[in-house]
Each structure stands twice: as structure tokens, then as C-alpha cells.
Amino acid sequence: MPRFDDSGRPGLGYQFKVLSFRTFTVILAWVLIVAAFYQKPELLTGAQRLMQRGIEAVGDAVPPPWGPRMEFVVREIGGVIWLQITLLVLALRLALSSVAAVWRLIAGRDRRQWNQ
């Protein structure tokens, strides 16, 4: 739970914790991408093909002229690469936040048992 200062805003320690978590997940995402590039490039190729099919499906679902325009912008201006990185960062944050929530739940239960 964040600690709030006199103005009702989270304190510096909480903001540092949030920023360090965000920084860690971005660095971890890049490390995983580089590792996949060297160890399992077919994984990146498969993810890229899946993204391309998804972009095409969305572009086909939106009526012309906006569907083809959206497809062009996302695909041709480098959006596919950044979309993959963003989705990986979001997946990592979701997974790590879930692990942290379970950890806090278990640790809180253990603390309550010891205090009784």
C-alpha cells in the first residue's frame, strides 16, 4: 500500500518502486527478445507472423478507406516491431504483478498467523 504525503500524493519511495518495476520489465523484455533472437529466432518469426495476421484481420474488419490506411500505418511504419515489444512488456508486467500479488497474499497470511 502506498504511503501518501500531506498533499494526498504517493510518497517518493512508492514512486521509485513503481519506476524501478517499469524499468525492470522493459529491460527484461529486451533481454528476452535478444535471447530469442540468438537462441530461438523461429519464436520471433512466429510472433511476427501472428501479429501480421492480426493486423490484416483488423484492417479487413474496418471499412475502406480507413482499414487499409490503419493496416499500412501499423505495418509499414515499423509499428509491428514496437507492438511486439509493447505486448511483451505488458505480458511481463501482468505476470510479475500476479506473482507479487500472490506473494503478498501468502506473506500477509503468514504474518497474521505469527501475530496470533
Protein backbone atom coordinates (compact mmCIF):
# COMPACT_ATOMS: atom_id res chain seq x y z
CA MET A 1 0.00 0.00 0.00
CA PRO A 2 1.49 3.37 -0.96
CA ARG A 3 2.21 5.96 1.68
CA PHE A 4 0.76 9.36 0.91
CA ASP A 5 2.31 12.71 1.78
CA ASP A 6 0.43 15.77 3.09
CA SER A 7 -0.92 16.66 -0.37
CA GLY A 8 -2.51 13.22 -0.79
CA ARG A 9 0.02 12.06 -3.38
CA PRO A 10 2.09 8.88 -3.14
CA GLY A 11 5.46 9.34 -1.48
CA LEU A 12 8.83 9.27 -3.18
CA GLY A 13 9.55 5.69 -2.09
CA TYR A 14 6.39 4.38 -3.75
CA GLN A 15 7.09 6.32 -6.94
CA PHE A 16 10.63 4.92 -7.00
CA LYS A 17 9.26 1.40 -6.58
CA VAL A 18 6.84 1.87 -9.48
CA LEU A 19 9.52 3.39 -11.72
CA SER A 20 12.02 0.65 -10.92
CA PHE A 21 9.41 -2.03 -11.69
CA ARG A 22 8.63 -0.40 -15.03
CA THR A 23 12.32 -0.06 -15.88
CA PHE A 24 12.99 -3.66 -14.89
CA THR A 25 10.20 -5.01 -17.09
CA VAL A 26 11.40 -3.05 -20.13
CA ILE A 27 14.99 -4.23 -19.66
CA LEU A 28 13.81 -7.82 -19.12
CA ALA A 29 11.69 -7.65 -22.28
CA TRP A 30 14.69 -6.51 -24.34
CA VAL A 31 16.89 -9.22 -22.80
CA LEU A 32 14.27 -11.84 -23.70
CA ILE A 33 14.00 -10.51 -27.26
CA VAL A 34 17.78 -10.56 -27.74
CA ALA A 35 17.99 -14.06 -26.22
CA ALA A 36 15.20 -15.26 -28.52
CA PHE A 37 16.96 -13.67 -31.49
CA TYR A 38 20.06 -15.78 -30.84
CA GLN A 39 18.54 -18.94 -29.37
CA LYS A 40 15.05 -19.30 -30.90
CA PRO A 41 14.64 -16.97 -33.90
CA GLU A 42 11.67 -19.05 -35.10
CA LEU A 43 9.81 -17.85 -32.00
CA LEU A 44 10.20 -14.23 -33.09
CA THR A 45 9.24 -15.11 -36.67
CA GLY A 46 6.12 -16.90 -35.48
CA ALA A 47 5.16 -13.95 -33.27
CA GLN A 48 5.70 -11.56 -36.17
CA ARG A 49 3.51 -13.65 -38.48
CA LEU A 50 0.80 -13.82 -35.83
CA MET A 51 0.93 -10.04 -35.46
CA GLN A 52 0.74 -9.59 -39.25
CA ARG A 53 -2.35 -11.80 -39.43
CA GLY A 54 -3.93 -9.86 -36.57
CA ILE A 55 -3.22 -6.54 -38.26
CA GLU A 56 -4.69 -7.85 -41.52
CA ALA A 57 -7.81 -9.09 -39.71
CA VAL A 58 -8.35 -5.71 -38.07
CA GLY A 59 -7.67 -3.91 -41.36
CA ASP A 60 -10.19 -6.15 -43.15
CA ALA A 61 -12.80 -5.62 -40.42
CA VAL A 62 -12.68 -1.83 -40.69
CA PRO A 63 -14.41 -0.50 -43.82
CA PRO A 64 -12.39 1.20 -46.55
CA PRO A 65 -10.66 3.61 -46.78
CA TRP A 66 -9.78 3.52 -43.07
CA GLY A 67 -8.99 -0.21 -42.80
CA PRO A 68 -6.24 -0.20 -45.42
CA ARG A 69 -4.88 3.06 -44.01
CA MET A 70 -4.67 1.63 -40.49
CA GLU A 71 -3.04 -1.53 -41.81
CA PHE A 72 -0.46 0.50 -43.73
CA VAL A 73 0.41 2.72 -40.77
CA VAL A 74 0.85 -0.14 -38.29
CA ARG A 75 2.66 -2.48 -40.65
CA GLU A 76 4.82 -0.27 -42.83
CA ILE A 77 5.92 2.41 -40.41
CA GLY A 78 7.52 -0.04 -38.00
CA GLY A 79 4.53 -0.48 -35.76
CA VAL A 80 4.78 -4.26 -35.79
CA ILE A 81 8.12 -4.29 -34.01
CA TRP A 82 7.06 -1.79 -31.37
CA LEU A 83 3.72 -3.51 -30.95
CA GLN A 84 5.52 -6.81 -30.24
CA ILE A 85 7.79 -5.17 -27.69
CA THR A 86 4.86 -3.40 -26.03
CA LEU A 87 2.83 -6.60 -25.81
CA LEU A 88 5.81 -8.43 -24.30
CA VAL A 89 6.31 -5.67 -21.71
CA LEU A 90 2.60 -5.77 -20.82
CA ALA A 91 2.64 -9.57 -20.53
CA LEU A 92 5.70 -9.42 -18.27
CA ARG A 93 4.13 -6.74 -16.09
CA LEU A 94 0.93 -8.75 -15.79
CA ALA A 95 2.81 -11.94 -14.92
CA LEU A 96 5.16 -10.29 -12.43
CA SER A 97 2.34 -8.30 -10.81
CA SER A 98 0.33 -11.51 -10.41
CA VAL A 99 3.30 -13.25 -8.78
CA ALA A 100 3.79 -10.25 -6.47
CA ALA A 101 0.09 -10.19 -5.52
CA VAL A 102 0.14 -13.89 -4.66
CA TRP A 103 3.37 -13.39 -2.73
CA ARG A 104 1.85 -10.52 -0.73
CA LEU A 105 -1.25 -12.60 -0.05
CA ILE A 106 0.78 -15.56 1.22
CA ALA A 107 3.21 -13.38 3.17
CA GLY A 108 0.33 -11.44 4.75
CA ARG A 109 -1.37 -14.66 5.78
CA ASP A 110 1.88 -15.94 7.32
CA ARG A 111 2.35 -12.68 9.24
CA ARG A 112 -1.19 -12.82 10.59
CA GLN A 113 -0.66 -16.42 11.77
CA TRP A 114 2.56 -15.48 13.58
CA ASN A 115 0.95 -12.47 15.26
CA GLN A 116 -1.90 -14.51 16.79
